[in-house]
Amino acid sequence: MAKATGIGGVFFRARDPEALKAWYATHLGVDSAPVWMQQAGPTVFAPFAEDTDYFAADKSFMINFRVDDLDAMIARLQQAGIAVETRAEWDAHPEVGRFARIHDPEGNPVELWQPASR
């Protein structure tokens, strides 16, 4: 059976696409010129209930990025003046990994995930 083999892209509207691309490249290392070659690893594809409180009700999506060192990423983002949210319940399952949340300049929620070591 033919099947999808991975995420080929994430496409969304932005007020200032060039500035947003630059923000993601600067702060998260997502360089999309011409394409971002990501590391292979786990990807979660999970539609949420319409009334979920896992992310803001006025947003229909949240991007989750795998990171290799969440503590260093948090420190770098905070040093750049970016608010980082962490919650104890997000780290309640150490077998899954650790999480933090930020918002890009256009208010889109971005989850950072350091998967558990295997």
Protein backbone atom coordinates (compact mmCIF):
# COMPACT_ATOMS: atom_id res chain seq x y z
CA MET A 1 0.00 0.00 0.00
CA ALA A 2 1.26 3.49 -0.84
CA LYS A 3 1.73 5.67 2.24
CA ALA A 4 3.14 8.99 3.37
CA THR A 5 6.80 8.75 4.38
CA GLY A 6 7.14 11.92 6.41
CA ILE A 7 6.22 15.57 6.65
CA GLY A 8 7.19 17.33 3.42
CA GLY A 9 6.39 20.83 4.58
CA VAL A 10 4.41 23.05 6.90
CA PHE A 11 2.59 25.88 5.16
CA PHE A 12 0.78 28.72 6.89
CA ARG A 13 -0.17 32.31 6.31
CA ALA A 14 1.90 35.15 7.76
CA ARG A 15 1.58 38.93 7.83
CA ASP A 16 5.32 39.23 7.05
CA PRO A 17 6.60 35.92 5.62
CA GLU A 18 10.20 37.08 5.14
CA ALA A 19 10.52 38.41 8.70
CA LEU A 20 8.96 35.23 10.09
CA LYS A 21 11.33 33.02 8.07
CA ALA A 22 14.24 35.03 9.45
CA TRP A 23 12.94 34.69 13.04
CA TYR A 24 12.68 30.90 12.74
CA ALA A 25 16.18 30.71 11.22
CA THR A 26 17.72 32.96 13.88
CA HIS A 27 16.08 31.54 16.98
CA LEU A 28 15.36 27.89 16.10
CA GLY A 29 17.85 27.15 13.34
CA VAL A 30 15.09 26.37 10.84
CA ASP A 31 16.73 27.52 7.62
CA SER A 32 14.28 27.16 4.76
CA ALA A 33 16.48 28.46 1.95
CA PRO A 34 15.72 26.59 -0.26
CA VAL A 35 14.68 23.72 2.04
CA TRP A 36 15.42 22.79 5.63
CA MET A 37 17.13 19.40 5.88
CA GLN A 38 15.96 18.13 9.24
CA GLN A 39 17.34 15.21 11.20
CA ALA A 40 15.41 11.97 11.06
CA GLY A 41 13.51 11.22 14.23
CA PRO A 42 10.12 10.71 15.75
CA THR A 43 7.20 12.78 14.49
CA VAL A 44 3.82 12.94 16.18
CA PHE A 45 0.79 13.52 13.97
CA ALA A 46 -2.10 14.16 16.34
CA PRO A 47 -5.35 15.94 15.59
CA PHE A 48 -6.72 17.38 18.84
CA ALA A 49 -10.33 17.78 19.89
CA GLU A 50 -11.85 21.08 18.82
CA ASP A 51 -12.18 22.18 22.46
CA THR A 52 -8.65 21.21 23.58
CA ASP A 53 -6.89 23.49 26.03
CA TYR A 54 -3.44 22.17 25.08
CA PHE A 55 -2.93 25.31 22.98
CA ALA A 56 -4.82 28.55 22.41
CA ALA A 57 -8.43 28.22 21.26
CA ASP A 58 -7.95 30.91 18.59
CA LYS A 59 -5.19 28.88 16.86
CA SER A 60 -5.93 25.86 14.70
CA PHE A 61 -2.41 24.45 14.78
CA MET A 62 0.78 24.30 16.81
CA ILE A 63 4.18 23.41 15.39
CA ASN A 64 6.30 21.08 17.51
CA PHE A 65 10.06 21.08 16.92
CA ARG A 66 12.40 18.39 18.22
CA VAL A 67 15.43 19.96 19.91
CA ASP A 68 18.70 18.38 21.00
CA ASP A 69 19.26 20.41 24.19
CA LEU A 70 16.12 21.98 25.66
CA ASP A 71 17.93 23.75 28.51
CA ALA A 72 20.40 25.43 26.16
CA MET A 73 17.58 26.35 23.76
CA ILE A 74 15.54 27.89 26.59
CA ALA A 75 18.55 29.90 27.80
CA ARG A 76 19.27 31.19 24.27
CA LEU A 77 15.64 32.15 23.65
CA GLN A 78 15.35 33.94 27.00
CA GLN A 79 18.60 35.78 26.31
CA ALA A 80 17.01 36.99 23.06
CA GLY A 81 14.02 38.30 25.04
CA ILE A 82 11.63 35.51 23.99
CA ALA A 83 9.22 34.38 26.69
CA VAL A 84 9.47 30.64 27.34
CA GLU A 85 6.76 28.73 29.17
CA THR A 86 7.38 25.45 30.96
CA ARG A 87 4.97 23.42 33.08
CA ALA A 88 5.63 20.52 35.40
CA GLU A 89 2.78 18.52 33.84
CA TRP A 90 4.44 18.76 30.41
CA ASP A 91 7.41 16.87 31.86
CA ALA A 92 5.33 14.36 33.82
CA HIS A 93 6.21 11.52 31.45
CA PRO A 94 10.01 11.26 31.34
CA GLU A 95 9.77 8.34 28.92
CA VAL A 96 8.37 10.81 26.34
CA GLY A 97 10.73 13.71 26.98
CA ARG A 98 10.60 17.36 28.02
CA PHE A 99 8.68 20.30 26.59
CA ALA A 100 8.64 24.09 26.50
CA ARG A 101 6.41 26.54 24.67
CA ILE A 102 7.08 29.82 22.91
CA HIS A 103 5.17 31.99 20.43
CA ASP A 104 6.58 33.34 17.20
CA PRO A 105 6.29 37.08 16.43
CA GLU A 106 2.86 36.51 14.85
CA GLY A 107 1.50 34.74 17.91
CA ASN A 108 1.66 31.18 16.60
CA PRO A 109 2.31 28.63 19.35
CA VAL A 110 5.55 26.68 18.99
CA GLU A 111 6.28 23.66 21.14
CA LEU A 112 9.87 22.57 21.75
CA TRP A 113 10.38 18.89 22.52
CA GLN A 114 13.51 17.14 23.67
CA PRO A 115 12.63 13.47 23.23
CA ALA A 116 13.68 11.07 25.95
CA SER A 117 17.01 9.36 25.38
CA ARG A 118 16.60 5.90 24.00
